[in-house]
PDB file of N, CA and C in Angstrom:
ATOM      1  N   MET A   1     172.501 110.206  -9.769  1.00  0.00           N
ATOM      2  CA  MET A   1     172.248 109.217  -8.725  1.00  0.00           C
ATOM      3  C   MET A   1     171.374 108.103  -9.281  1.00  0.00           C
ATOM      4  N   ASN A   2     171.678 106.937  -8.832  1.00  0.00           N
ATOM      5  CA  ASN A   2     170.855 105.824  -9.292  1.00  0.00           C
ATOM      6  C   ASN A   2     169.793 105.489  -8.259  1.00  0.00           C
ATOM      7  N   LYS A   3     168.927 104.601  -8.606  1.00  0.00           N
ATOM      8  CA  LYS A   3     167.770 104.225  -7.782  1.00  0.00           C
ATOM      9  C   LYS A   3     168.191 103.666  -6.425  1.00  0.00           C
ATOM     10  N   VAL A   4     169.276 102.905  -6.363  1.00  0.00           N
ATOM     11  CA  VAL A   4     169.743 102.297  -5.111  1.00  0.00           C
ATOM     12  C   VAL A   4     170.184 103.373  -4.133  1.00  0.00           C
ATOM     13  N   ASP A   5     170.902 104.371  -4.635  1.00  0.00           N
ATOM     14  CA  ASP A   5     171.370 105.450  -3.768  1.00  0.00           C
ATOM     15  C   ASP A   5     170.199 106.227  -3.171  1.00  0.00           C
ATOM     16  N   ILE A   6     169.193 106.518  -3.960  1.00  0.00           N
ATOM     17  CA  ILE A   6     168.023 107.263  -3.485  1.00  0.00           C
ATOM     18  C   ILE A   6     167.272 106.456  -2.430  1.00  0.00           C
ATOM     19  N   ASP A   7     167.104 105.167  -2.681  1.00  0.00           N
ATOM     20  CA  ASP A   7     166.424 104.317  -1.693  1.00  0.00           C
ATOM     21  C   ASP A   7     167.220 104.248  -0.393  1.00  0.00           C
ATOM     22  N   THR A   8     168.539 104.159  -0.503  1.00  0.00           N
ATOM     23  CA  THR A   8     169.396 104.106   0.687  1.00  0.00           C
ATOM     24  C   THR A   8     169.304 105.413   1.465  1.00  0.00           C
ATOM     25  N   ILE A   9     169.353 106.518   0.773  1.00  0.00           N
ATOM     26  CA  ILE A   9     169.254 107.830   1.424  1.00  0.00           C
ATOM     27  C   ILE A   9     167.900 107.979   2.108  1.00  0.00           C
ATOM     28  N   GLN A  10     166.841 107.579   1.430  1.00  0.00           N
ATOM     29  CA  GLN A  10     165.506 107.669   2.031  1.00  0.00           C
ATOM     30  C   GLN A  10     165.403 106.793   3.278  1.00  0.00           C
ATOM     31  N   ALA A  11     165.968 105.597   3.227  1.00  0.00           N
ATOM     32  CA  ALA A  11     165.939 104.697   4.387  1.00  0.00           C
ATOM     33  C   ALA A  11     166.720 105.292   5.553  1.00  0.00           C
ATOM     34  N   ARG A  12     167.874 105.885   5.238  1.00  0.00           N
ATOM     35  CA  ARG A  12     168.686 106.512   6.296  1.00  0.00           C
ATOM     36  C   ARG A  12     167.968 107.722   6.897  1.00  0.00           C
ATOM     37  N   LEU A  13     167.356 108.524   6.042  1.00  0.00           N
ATOM     38  CA  LEU A  13     166.618 109.688   6.547  1.00  0.00           C
ATOM     39  C   LEU A  13     165.446 109.257   7.423  1.00  0.00           C
ATOM     40  N   LYS A  14     164.788 108.190   7.014  1.00  0.00           N
ATOM     41  CA  LYS A  14     163.674 107.662   7.810  1.00  0.00           C
ATOM     42  C   LYS A  14     164.175 107.207   9.183  1.00  0.00           C
ATOM     43  N   LYS A  15     165.345 106.546   9.205  1.00  0.00           N
ATOM     44  CA  LYS A  15     165.920 106.063  10.460  1.00  0.00           C
ATOM     45  C   LYS A  15     166.351 107.238  11.348  1.00  0.00           C
ATOM     46  N   VAL A  16     166.966 108.252  10.736  1.00  0.00           N
ATOM     47  CA  VAL A  16     167.375 109.447  11.487  1.00  0.00           C
ATOM     48  C   VAL A  16     166.152 110.132  12.085  1.00  0.00           C
ATOM     49  N   ASN A  17     165.094 110.236  11.307  1.00  0.00           N
ATOM     50  CA  ASN A  17     163.854 110.845  11.790  1.00  0.00           C
ATOM     51  C   ASN A  17     163.272 110.039  12.949  1.00  0.00           C
ATOM     52  N   GLN A  18     163.314 108.712  12.827  1.00  0.00           N
ATOM     53  CA  GLN A  18     162.811 107.836  13.889  1.00  0.00           C
ATOM     54  C   GLN A  18     163.632 108.031  15.168  1.00  0.00           C
ATOM     55  N   ILE A  19     164.956 108.087  15.029  1.00  0.00           N
ATOM     56  CA  ILE A  19     165.837 108.282  16.189  1.00  0.00           C
ATOM     57  C   ILE A  19     165.555 109.630  16.843  1.00  0.00           C
ATOM     58  N   GLN A  20     165.403 110.673  16.036  1.00  0.00           N
ATOM     59  CA  GLN A  20     165.131 112.010  16.577  1.00  0.00           C
ATOM     60  C   GLN A  20     163.795 112.036  17.314  1.00  0.00           C
ATOM     61  N   THR A  21     162.791 111.384  16.763  1.00  0.00           N
ATOM     62  CA  THR A  21     161.479 111.328  17.411  1.00  0.00           C
ATOM     63  C   THR A  21     161.569 110.606  18.753  1.00  0.00           C
ATOM     64  N   LEU A  22     162.289 109.480  18.787  1.00  0.00           N
ATOM     65  CA  LEU A  22     162.455 108.733  20.041  1.00  0.00           C
ATOM     66  C   LEU A  22     163.231 109.561  21.068  1.00  0.00           C
ATOM     67  N   LYS A  23     164.221 110.315  20.595  1.00  0.00           N
ATOM     68  CA  LYS A  23     164.981 111.204  21.487  1.00  0.00           C
ATOM     69  C   LYS A  23     164.059 112.274  22.069  1.00  0.00           C
ATOM     70  N   ASP A  24     163.203 112.849  21.219  1.00  0.00           N
ATOM     71  CA  ASP A  24     162.249 113.862  21.683  1.00  0.00           C
ATOM     72  C   ASP A  24     161.261 113.291  22.700  1.00  0.00           C
ATOM     73  N   MET A  25     160.996 111.991  22.603  1.00  0.00           N
ATOM     74  CA  MET A  25     160.108 111.325  23.563  1.00  0.00           C
ATOM     75  C   MET A  25     160.793 111.087  24.903  1.00  0.00           C
ATOM     76  N   GLY A  26     162.113 111.307  24.946  1.00  0.00           N
ATOM     77  CA  GLY A  26     162.835 111.172  26.206  1.00  0.00           C
ATOM     78  C   GLY A  26     163.521 109.840  26.407  1.00  0.00           C
ATOM     79  N   PHE A  27     163.588 109.023  25.377  1.00  0.00           N
ATOM     80  CA  PHE A  27     164.286 107.745  25.498  1.00  0.00           C
ATOM     81  C   PHE A  27     165.791 107.985  25.540  1.00  0.00           C
ATOM     82  N   ASN A  28     166.506 107.152  26.317  1.00  0.00           N
ATOM     83  CA  ASN A  28     167.964 107.257  26.337  1.00  0.00           C
ATOM     84  C   ASN A  28     168.540 106.521  25.126  1.00  0.00           C
ATOM     85  N   ILE A  29     169.834 106.700  24.908  1.00  0.00           N
ATOM     86  CA  ILE A  29     170.481 106.172  23.704  1.00  0.00           C
ATOM     87  C   ILE A  29     170.369 104.647  23.602  1.00  0.00           C
ATOM     88  N   SER A  30     170.597 103.951  24.717  1.00  0.00           N
ATOM     89  CA  SER A  30     170.555 102.483  24.653  1.00  0.00           C
ATOM     90  C   SER A  30     169.148 101.979  24.321  1.00  0.00           C
ATOM     91  N   THR A  31     168.130 102.642  24.858  1.00  0.00           N
ATOM     92  CA  THR A  31     166.753 102.237  24.564  1.00  0.00           C
ATOM     93  C   THR A  31     166.402 102.556  23.116  1.00  0.00           C
ATOM     94  N   ILE A  32     166.868 103.698  22.630  1.00  0.00           N
ATOM     95  CA  ILE A  32     166.633 104.052  21.224  1.00  0.00           C
ATOM     96  C   ILE A  32     167.256 102.993  20.316  1.00  0.00           C
ATOM     97  N   LYS A  33     168.476 102.588  20.635  1.00  0.00           N
ATOM     98  CA  LYS A  33     169.148 101.558  19.833  1.00  0.00           C
ATOM     99  C   LYS A  33     168.338 100.264  19.842  1.00  0.00           C
ATOM    100  N   GLU A  34     167.858  99.889  21.036  1.00  0.00           N
ATOM    101  CA  GLU A  34     167.067  98.659  21.158  1.00  0.00           C
ATOM    102  C   GLU A  34     165.790  98.734  20.318  1.00  0.00           C
ATOM    103  N   ILE A  35     165.116  99.885  20.366  1.00  0.00           N
ATOM    104  CA  ILE A  35     163.866 100.039  19.610  1.00  0.00           C
ATOM    105  C   ILE A  35     164.132 100.020  18.106  1.00  0.00           C
ATOM    106  N   VAL A  36     165.141 100.775  17.672  1.00  0.00           N
ATOM    107  CA  VAL A  36     165.438 100.879  16.239  1.00  0.00           C
ATOM    108  C   VAL A  36     165.867  99.529  15.660  1.00  0.00           C
ATOM    109  N   GLU A  37     166.640  98.772  16.429  1.00  0.00           N
ATOM    110  CA  GLU A  37     167.142  97.487  15.928  1.00  0.00           C
ATOM    111  C   GLU A  37     166.145  96.347  16.097  1.00  0.00           C
ATOM    112  N   SER A  38     165.069  96.575  16.842  1.00  0.00           N
ATOM    113  CA  SER A  38     164.129  95.495  17.130  1.00  0.00           C
ATOM    114  C   SER A  38     163.053  95.381  16.056  1.00  0.00           C
ATOM    115  N   ASP A  39     162.735  94.136  15.749  1.00  0.00           N
ATOM    116  CA  ASP A  39     161.609  93.865  14.856  1.00  0.00           C
ATOM    117  C   ASP A  39     160.411  93.355  15.644  1.00  0.00           C
ATOM    118  N   ASN A  40     160.608  93.188  16.950  1.00  0.00           N
ATOM    119  CA  ASN A  40     159.571  92.633  17.819  1.00  0.00           C
ATOM    120  C   ASN A  40     158.667  93.761  18.323  1.00  0.00           C
ATOM    121  N   ILE A  41     157.435  93.754  17.885  1.00  0.00           N
ATOM    122  CA  ILE A  41     156.470  94.790  18.268  1.00  0.00           C
ATOM    123  C   ILE A  41     156.243  94.801  19.778  1.00  0.00           C
ATOM    124  N   GLU A  42     156.263  93.647  20.414  1.00  0.00           N
ATOM    125  CA  GLU A  42     156.019  93.565  21.862  1.00  0.00           C
ATOM    126  C   GLU A  42     157.111  94.281  22.653  1.00  0.00           C
ATOM    127  N   ILE A  43     158.359  94.158  22.218  1.00  0.00           N
ATOM    128  CA  ILE A  43     159.463  94.857  22.889  1.00  0.00           C
ATOM    129  C   ILE A  43     159.289  96.363  22.731  1.00  0.00           C
ATOM    130  N   ILE A  44     158.964  96.800  21.538  1.00  0.00           N
ATOM    131  CA  ILE A  44     158.761  98.231  21.283  1.00  0.00           C
ATOM    132  C   ILE A  44     157.583  98.748  22.105  1.00  0.00           C
ATOM    133  N   LYS A  45     156.495  97.993  22.113  1.00  0.00           N
ATOM    134  CA  LYS A  45     155.314  98.381  22.888  1.00  0.00           C
ATOM    135  C   LYS A  45     155.659  98.466  24.375  1.00  0.00           C
ATOM    136  N   SER A  46     156.432  97.504  24.864  1.00  0.00           N
ATOM    137  CA  SER A  46     156.841  97.496  26.270  1.00  0.00           C
ATOM    138  C   SER A  46     157.683  98.727  26.608  1.00  0.00           C
ATOM    139  N   GLN A  47     158.591  99.092  25.722  1.00  0.00           N
ATOM    140  CA  GLN A  47     159.426 100.281  25.944  1.00  0.00           C
ATOM    141  C   GLN A  47     158.571 101.551  25.975  1.00  0.00           C
ATOM    142  N   PHE A  48     157.591 101.643  25.086  1.00  0.00           N
ATOM    143  CA  PHE A  48     156.698 102.802  25.064  1.00  0.00           C
ATOM    144  C   PHE A  48     155.866 102.870  26.344  1.00  0.00           C
ATOM    145  N   GLU A  49     155.368 101.723  26.803  1.00  0.00           N
ATOM    146  CA  GLU A  49     154.582 101.699  28.041  1.00  0.00           C
ATOM    147  C   GLU A  49     155.435 102.087  29.241  1.00  0.00           C
ATOM    148  N   ASN A  50     156.685 101.594  29.286  1.00  0.00           N
ATOM    149  CA  ASN A  50     157.589 101.963  30.383  1.00  0.00           C
ATOM    150  C   ASN A  50     157.867 103.460  30.385  1.00  0.00           C
ATOM    151  N   ARG A  51     158.134 104.011  29.196  1.00  0.00           N
ATOM    152  CA  ARG A  51     158.413 105.453  29.110  1.00  0.00           C
ATOM    153  C   ARG A  51     157.182 106.265  29.500  1.00  0.00           C
ATOM    154  N   SER A  52     156.012 105.798  29.103  1.00  0.00           N
ATOM    155  CA  SER A  52     154.769 106.478  29.470  1.00  0.00           C
ATOM    156  C   SER A  52     154.593 106.494  30.987  1.00  0.00           C
ATOM    157  N   ALA A  53     154.877 105.373  31.633  1.00  0.00           N
ATOM    158  CA  ALA A  53     154.764 105.300  33.098  1.00  0.00           C
ATOM    159  C   ALA A  53     155.770 106.232  33.764  1.00  0.00           C
ATOM    160  N   GLN A  54     156.993 106.295  33.222  1.00  0.00           N
ATOM    161  CA  GLN A  54     158.007 107.200  33.773  1.00  0.00           C
ATOM    162  C   GLN A  54     157.550 108.653  33.679  1.00  0.00           C
ATOM    163  N   ILE A  55     156.996 109.014  32.542  1.00  0.00           N
ATOM    164  CA  ILE A  55     156.534 110.396  32.339  1.00  0.00           C
ATOM    165  C   ILE A  55     155.384 110.717  33.289  1.00  0.00           C
ATOM    166  N   LYS A  56     154.460 109.770  33.467  1.00  0.00           N
ATOM    167  CA  LYS A  56     153.338 109.994  34.384  1.00  0.00           C
ATOM    168  C   LYS A  56     153.823 110.160  35.818  1.00  0.00           C
ATOM    169  N   ASP A  57     154.810 109.352  36.238  1.00  0.00           N
ATOM    170  CA  ASP A  57     155.380 109.496  37.579  1.00  0.00           C
ATOM    171  C   ASP A  57     156.022 110.865  37.747  1.00  0.00           C
ATOM    172  N   LYS A  58     156.764 111.280  36.728  1.00  0.00           N
ATOM    173  CA  LYS A  58     157.413 112.588  36.796  1.00  0.00           C
ATOM    174  C   LYS A  58     156.373 113.706  36.828  1.00  0.00           C
ATOM    175  N   MET A  59     155.295 113.544  36.059  1.00  0.00           N
ATOM    176  CA  MET A  59     154.228 114.550  36.061  1.00  0.00           C
ATOM    177  C   MET A  59     153.588 114.659  37.444  1.00  0.00           C
ATOM    178  N   ASN A  60     153.348 113.514  38.092  1.00  0.00           N
ATOM    179  CA  ASN A  60     152.784 113.533  39.447  1.00  0.00           C
ATOM    180  C   ASN A  60     153.719 114.240  40.409  1.00  0.00           C
ATOM    181  N   TYR A  61     155.012 113.940  40.314  1.00  0.00           N
ATOM    182  CA  TYR A  61     156.007 114.579  41.173  1.00  0.00           C
ATOM    183  C   TYR A  61     156.040 116.088  40.929  1.00  0.00           C
ATOM    184  N   LEU A  62     156.045 116.474  39.658  1.00  0.00           N
ATOM    185  CA  LEU A  62     156.063 117.900  39.326  1.00  0.00           C
ATOM    186  C   LEU A  62     154.768 118.595  39.742  1.00  0.00           C
ATOM    187  N   GLN A  63     153.643 117.889  39.664  1.00  0.00           N
ATOM    188  CA  GLN A  63     152.367 118.457  40.100  1.00  0.00           C
ATOM    189  C   GLN A  63     152.403 118.743  41.598  1.00  0.00           C
ATOM    190  N   LYS A  64     152.992 117.833  42.369  1.00  0.00           N
ATOM    191  CA  LYS A  64     153.128 118.054  43.811  1.00  0.00           C
ATOM    192  C   LYS A  64     154.020 119.253  44.087  1.00  0.00           C
ATOM    193  N   GLN A  65     155.124 119.368  43.339  1.00  0.00           N
ATOM    194  CA  GLN A  65     156.006 120.521  43.500  1.00  0.00           C
ATOM    195  C   GLN A  65     155.271 121.812  43.166  1.00  0.00           C
ATOM    196  N   LEU A  66     154.480 121.782  42.113  1.00  0.00           N
ATOM    197  CA  LEU A  66     153.725 122.960  41.707  1.00  0.00           C
ATOM    198  C   LEU A  66     152.741 123.376  42.794  1.00  0.00           C
ATOM    199  N   CYS A  67     152.060 122.410  43.387  1.00  0.00           N
ATOM    200  CA  CYS A  67     151.126 122.717  44.479  1.00  0.00           C
ATOM    201  C   CYS A  67     151.860 123.339  45.660  1.00  0.00           C
ATOM    202  N   LEU A  68     153.045 122.808  45.970  1.00  0.00           N
ATOM    203  CA  LEU A  68     153.836 123.367  47.066  1.00  0.00           C
ATOM    204  C   LEU A  68     154.242 124.806  46.772  1.00  0.00           C
ATOM    205  N   LEU A  69     154.489 125.117  45.519  1.00  0.00           N
ATOM    206  CA  LEU A  69     154.845 126.486  45.140  1.00  0.00           C
ATOM    207  C   LEU A  69     153.638 127.410  45.110  1.00  0.00           C
ATOM    208  N   GLU A  70     152.510 126.909  44.634  1.00  0.00           N
ATOM    209  CA  GLU A  70     151.338 127.766  44.468  1.00  0.00           C
ATOM    210  C   GLU A  70     150.682 128.135  45.791  1.00  0.00           C
ATOM    211  N   ALA A  71     150.761 127.275  46.792  1.00  0.00           N
ATOM    212  CA  ALA A  71     150.130 127.572  48.083  1.00  0.00           C
ATOM    213  C   ALA A  71     150.701 128.847  48.699  1.00  0.00           C
ATOM    214  N   PRO A  72     152.027 128.978  48.830  1.00  0.00           N
ATOM    215  CA  PRO A  72     152.543 130.240  49.376  1.00  0.00           C
ATOM    216  C   PRO A  72     152.305 131.429  48.457  1.00  0.00           C
ATOM    217  N   MET A  73     152.327 131.192  47.144  1.00  0.00           N
ATOM    218  CA  MET A  73     152.075 132.298  46.219  1.00  0.00           C
ATOM    219  C   MET A  73     150.666 132.834  46.404  1.00  0.00           C
ATOM    220  N   LYS A  74     149.704 131.948  46.629  1.00  0.00           N
ATOM    221  CA  LYS A  74     148.325 132.372  46.849  1.00  0.00           C
ATOM    222  C   LYS A  74     148.229 133.184  48.134  1.00  0.00           C
ATOM    223  N   THR A  75     148.909 132.724  49.171  1.00  0.00           N
ATOM    224  CA  THR A  75     148.910 133.443  50.444  1.00  0.00           C
ATOM    225  C   THR A  75     149.518 134.825  50.272  1.00  0.00           C
ATOM    226  N   ILE A  76     150.614 134.885  49.534  1.00  0.00           N
ATOM    227  CA  ILE A  76     151.264 136.179  49.297  1.00  0.00           C
ATOM    228  C   ILE A  76     150.310 137.100  48.550  1.00  0.00           C
ATOM    229  N   ARG A  77     149.638 136.587  47.520  1.00  0.00           N
ATOM    230  CA  ARG A  77     148.697 137.415  46.761  1.00  0.00           C
ATOM    231  C   ARG A  77     147.555 137.891  47.644  1.00  0.00           C
ATOM    232  N   GLU A  78     147.038 137.013  48.507  1.00  0.00           N
ATOM    233  CA  GLU A  78     145.928 137.399  49.374  1.00  0.00           C
ATOM    234  C   GLU A  78     146.368 138.461  50.370  1.00  0.00           C
ATOM    235  N   ASP A  79     147.591 138.337  50.895  1.00  0.00           N
ATOM    236  CA  ASP A  79     148.088 139.323  51.851  1.00  0.00           C
ATOM    237  C   ASP A  79     148.287 140.681  51.194  1.00  0.00           C
ATOM    238  N   VAL A  80     148.722 140.682  49.956  1.00  0.00           N
ATOM    239  CA  VAL A  80     149.005 141.940  49.283  1.00  0.00           C
ATOM    240  C   VAL A  80     147.744 142.546  48.690  1.00  0.00           C
ATOM    241  N   VAL A  81     146.986 141.759  47.971  1.00  0.00           N
ATOM    242  CA  VAL A  81     145.848 142.279  47.227  1.00  0.00           C
ATOM    243  C   VAL A  81     144.609 142.414  48.101  1.00  0.00           C
ATOM    244  N   GLU A  82     144.333 141.402  48.870  1.00  0.00           N
ATOM    245  CA  GLU A  82     143.083 141.377  49.607  1.00  0.00           C
ATOM    246  C   GLU A  82     143.264 141.794  51.068  1.00  0.00           C
ATOM    247  N   MET A  83     143.826 142.967  51.281  1.00  0.00           N
ATOM    248  CA  MET A  83     143.997 143.463  52.641  1.00  0.00           C
ATOM    249  C   MET A  83     142.855 144.416  52.978  1.00  0.00           C
ATOM    250  N   ASN A  84     141.663 143.924  52.964  1.00  0.00           N
ATOM    251  CA  ASN A  84     140.479 144.720  53.264  1.00  0.00           C
ATOM    252  C   ASN A  84     140.059 144.484  54.710  1.00  0.00           C
ATOM    253  N   TYR A  85     140.878 144.927  55.638  1.00  0.00           N
ATOM    254  CA  TYR A  85     140.568 144.742  57.043  1.00  0.00           C
ATOM    255  C   TYR A  85     139.804 145.957  57.559  1.00  0.00           C
ATOM    256  N   HIS A  86     138.878 145.717  58.464  1.00  0.00           N
ATOM    257  CA  HIS A  86     138.165 146.812  59.104  1.00  0.00           C
ATOM    258  C   HIS A  86     139.034 147.332  60.250  1.00  0.00           C
ATOM    259  N   VAL A  87     139.344 148.603  60.203  1.00  0.00           N
ATOM    260  CA  VAL A  87     140.193 149.211  61.226  1.00  0.00           C
ATOM    261  C   VAL A  87     139.342 150.154  62.051  1.00  0.00           C
ATOM    262  N   SER A  88     139.438 150.020  63.367  1.00  0.00           N
ATOM    263  CA  SER A  88     138.742 150.961  64.244  1.00  0.00           C
ATOM    264  C   SER A  88     139.734 151.491  65.266  1.00  0.00           C
ATOM    265  N   LEU A  89     139.707 152.792  65.468  1.00  0.00           N
ATOM    266  CA  LEU A  89     140.585 153.435  66.438  1.00  0.00           C
ATOM    267  C   LEU A  89     139.861 153.555  67.766  1.00  0.00           C
ATOM    268  N   LYS A  90     140.567 153.212  68.838  1.00  0.00           N
ATOM    269  CA  LYS A  90     139.986 153.310  70.172  1.00  0.00           C
ATOM    270  C   LYS A  90     140.962 154.039  71.078  1.00  0.00           C
ATOM    271  N   GLU A  91     140.398 154.773  72.011  1.00  0.00           N
ATOM    272  CA  GLU A  91     141.236 155.440  73.004  1.00  0.00           C
ATOM    273  C   GLU A  91     141.225 154.622  74.281  1.00  0.00           C
ATOM    274  N   ILE A  92     142.407 154.484  74.871  1.00  0.00           N
ATOM    275  CA  ILE A  92     142.505 153.778  76.147  1.00  0.00           C
ATOM    276  C   ILE A  92     143.143 154.719  77.151  1.00  0.00           C
ATOM    277  N   PRO A  93     142.900 154.510  78.446  1.00  0.00           N
ATOM    278  CA  PRO A  93     143.485 155.401  79.448  1.00  0.00           C
ATOM    279  C   PRO A  93     145.011 155.271  79.477  1.00  0.00           C
ATOM    280  N   ASN A  94     145.670 156.318  79.994  1.00  0.00           N
ATOM    281  CA  ASN A  94     147.130 156.306  80.104  1.00  0.00           C
ATOM    282  C   ASN A  94     147.590 155.153  80.986  1.00  0.00           C
ATOM    283  N   ARG A  95     148.700 154.557  80.628  1.00  0.00           N
ATOM    284  CA  ARG A  95     149.265 153.446  81.401  1.00  0.00           C
ATOM    285  C   ARG A  95     150.773 153.597  81.451  1.00  0.00           C
ATOM    286  N   ASN A  96     151.349 153.052  82.506  1.00  0.00           N
ATOM    287  CA  ASN A  96     152.804 152.981  82.588  1.00  0.00           C
ATOM    288  C   ASN A  96     153.264 151.722  81.857  1.00  0.00           C
ATOM    289  N   VAL A  97     154.279 151.881  81.062  1.00  0.00           N
ATOM    290  CA  VAL A  97     154.798 150.760  80.285  1.00  0.00           C
ATOM    291  C   VAL A  97     156.288 150.642  80.546  1.00  0.00           C
ATOM    292  N   ALA A  98     156.740 149.428  80.750  1.00  0.00           N
ATOM    293  CA  ALA A  98     158.170 149.185  80.936  1.00  0.00           C
ATOM    294  C   ALA A  98     158.671 148.357  79.766  1.00  0.00           C
ATOM    295  N   SER A  99     159.850 148.691  79.289  1.00  0.00           N
ATOM    296  CA  SER A  99     160.433 147.889  78.213  1.00  0.00           C
ATOM    297  C   SER A  99     161.935 147.794  78.412  1.00  0.00           C
ATOM    298  N   VAL A 100     162.487 146.707  77.946  1.00  0.00           N
ATOM    299  CA  VAL A 100     163.929 146.482  78.020  1.00  0.00           C
ATOM    300  C   VAL A 100     164.376 145.974  76.660  1.00  0.00           C
ATOM    301  N   ARG A 101     165.438 146.549  76.143  1.00  0.00           N
ATOM    302  CA  ARG A 101     166.011 146.070  74.887  1.00  0.00           C
ATOM    303  C   ARG A 101     167.385 145.515  75.195  1.00  0.00           C
ATOM    304  N   LYS A 102     167.533 144.247  74.956  1.00  0.00           N
ATOM    305  CA  LYS A 102     168.805 143.603  75.243  1.00  0.00           C
ATOM    306  C   LYS A 102     168.890 142.340  74.390  1.00  0.00           C
ATOM    307  N   ILE A 103     170.055 142.025  73.932  1.00  0.00           N
ATOM    308  CA  ILE A 103     170.247 140.799  73.163  1.00  0.00           C
ATOM    309  C   ILE A 103     170.569 139.682  74.137  1.00  0.00           C
ATOM    310  N   ILE A 104     169.779 138.620  74.045  1.00  0.00           N
ATOM    311  CA  ILE A 104     170.011 137.462  74.910  1.00  0.00           C
ATOM    312  C   ILE A 104     170.448 136.292  74.031  1.00  0.00           C
ATOM    313  N   PRO A 105     171.361 135.466  74.553  1.00  0.00           N
ATOM    314  CA  PRO A 105     171.902 134.409  73.704  1.00  0.00           C
ATOM    315  C   PRO A 105     170.905 133.295  73.370  1.00  0.00           C
ATOM    316  N   PHE A 106     170.026 132.935  74.291  1.00  0.00           N
ATOM    317  CA  PHE A 106     169.099 131.821  74.073  1.00  0.00           C
ATOM    318  C   PHE A 106     167.739 132.183  74.640  1.00  0.00           C
ATOM    319  N   ASP A 107     166.728 131.352  74.314  1.00  0.00           N
ATOM    320  CA  ASP A 107     165.386 131.572  74.847  1.00  0.00           C
ATOM    321  C   ASP A 107     165.360 131.495  76.365  1.00  0.00           C
ATOM    322  N   ASN A 108     166.211 130.667  76.953  1.00  0.00           N
ATOM    323  CA  ASN A 108     166.174 130.543  78.408  1.00  0.00           C
ATOM    324  C   ASN A 108     166.711 131.792  79.104  1.00  0.00           C
ATOM    325  N   GLY A 109     167.249 132.755  78.370  1.00  0.00           N
ATOM    326  CA  GLY A 109     167.715 134.005  78.951  1.00  0.00           C
ATOM    327  C   GLY A 109     166.606 135.022  79.156  1.00  0.00           C
ATOM    328  N   LYS A 110     165.382 134.697  78.712  1.00  0.00           N
ATOM    329  CA  LYS A 110     164.270 135.637  78.889  1.00  0.00           C
ATOM    330  C   LYS A 110     163.979 135.875  80.361  1.00  0.00           C
ATOM    331  N   GLY A 111     164.160 134.863  81.178  1.00  0.00           N
ATOM    332  CA  GLY A 111     163.904 135.007  82.615  1.00  0.00           C
ATOM    333  C   GLY A 111     164.811 136.047  83.251  1.00  0.00           C
ATOM    334  N   ASP A 112     166.034 136.188  82.757  1.00  0.00           N
ATOM    335  CA  ASP A 112     166.966 137.186  83.288  1.00  0.00           C
ATOM    336  C   ASP A 112     166.460 138.603  83.039  1.00  0.00           C
ATOM    337  N   LEU A 113     165.731 138.806  81.944  1.00  0.00           N
ATOM    338  CA  LEU A 113     165.216 140.143  81.645  1.00  0.00           C
ATOM    339  C   LEU A 113     164.138 140.566  82.634  1.00  0.00           C
ATOM    340  N   TRP A 114     163.375 139.613  83.177  1.00  0.00           N
ATOM    341  CA  TRP A 114     162.329 139.975  84.126  1.00  0.00           C
ATOM    342  C   TRP A 114     162.931 140.594  85.385  1.00  0.00           C
ATOM    343  N   GLY A 115     164.131 140.202  85.733  1.00  0.00           N
ATOM    344  CA  GLY A 115     164.794 140.819  86.885  1.00  0.00           C
ATOM    345  C   GLY A 115     165.184 142.257  86.602  1.00  0.00           C
ATOM    346  N   THR A 116     165.381 142.586  85.332  1.00  0.00           N
ATOM    347  CA  THR A 116     165.748 143.949  84.943  1.00  0.00           C
ATOM    348  C   THR A 116     164.544 144.875  84.975  1.00  0.00           C
ATOM    349  N   VAL A 117     163.386 144.360  84.622  1.00  0.00           N
ATOM    350  CA  VAL A 117     162.168 145.166  84.595  1.00  0.00           C
ATOM    351  C   VAL A 117     161.612 145.214  86.013  1.00  0.00           C
ATOM    352  N   THR A 118     161.557 146.412  86.560  1.00  0.00           N
ATOM    353  CA  THR A 118     160.989 146.570  87.905  1.00  0.00           C
ATOM    354  C   THR A 118     159.994 147.700  87.897  1.00  0.00           C
ATOM    355  N   CYS A 119     159.161 147.707  88.859  1.00  0.00           N
ATOM    356  CA  CYS A 119     158.156 148.750  89.004  1.00  0.00           C
ATOM    357  C   CYS A 119     158.867 150.063  89.332  1.00  0.00           C
ATOM    358  N   PRO A 120     158.453 151.217  88.759  1.00  0.00           N
ATOM    359  CA  PRO A 120     159.124 152.494  89.032  1.00  0.00           C
ATOM    360  C   PRO A 120     159.167 152.830  90.520  1.00  0.00           C
ATOM    361  N   SER A 121     158.112 152.502  91.246  1.00  0.00           N
ATOM    362  CA  SER A 121     158.106 152.832  92.670  1.00  0.00           C
ATOM    363  C   SER A 121     159.127 151.983  93.418  1.00  0.00           C
ATOM    364  N   THR A 122     159.379 150.761  93.004  1.00  0.00           N
ATOM    365  CA  THR A 122     160.356 149.897  93.657  1.00  0.00           C
ATOM    366  C   THR A 122     161.761 150.373  93.341  1.00  0.00           C
ATOM    367  N   LYS A 123     161.983 150.830  92.127  1.00  0.00           N
ATOM    368  CA  LYS A 123     163.299 151.262  91.696  1.00  0.00           C
ATOM    369  C   LYS A 123     163.733 152.529  92.423  1.00  0.00           C
ATOM    370  N   GLU A 124     162.802 153.413  92.710  1.00  0.00           N
ATOM    371  CA  GLU A 124     163.126 154.679  93.351  1.00  0.00           C
ATOM    372  C   GLU A 124     163.488 154.485  94.810  1.00  0.00           C
ATOM    373  N   LYS A 125     163.028 153.436  95.475  1.00  0.00           N
ATOM    374  CA  LYS A 125     163.276 153.247  96.903  1.00  0.00           C
ATOM    375  C   LYS A 125     164.664 152.850  97.215  1.00  0.00           C
TER     376      LYS A 125
END
């Protein structure tokens, strides 16, 4: 190999490395092309600043998502791990209890169930 070939290969490898680095930074293909072909430092600086702002916006969005996920996870952990409630048993006098089990189509059907529940003394008469 002669000196020209080695210099050309080194220049190409440098360009490939630059393209790969820009890709890793999250730049799209058209922006990478613009940066690689540009000799204007201000254009390159502007592209870097724009990408930095995009990443910061995405980080803020992801941080909000993370907070939304962590809040219920904390509640779940507290319910499972920190269930140190004081329990006291009490005796109460005997009582009559009425219950009805029935599937009702809507909330407004609850009133119909009250007609089903009657006092035992009324039902026997």
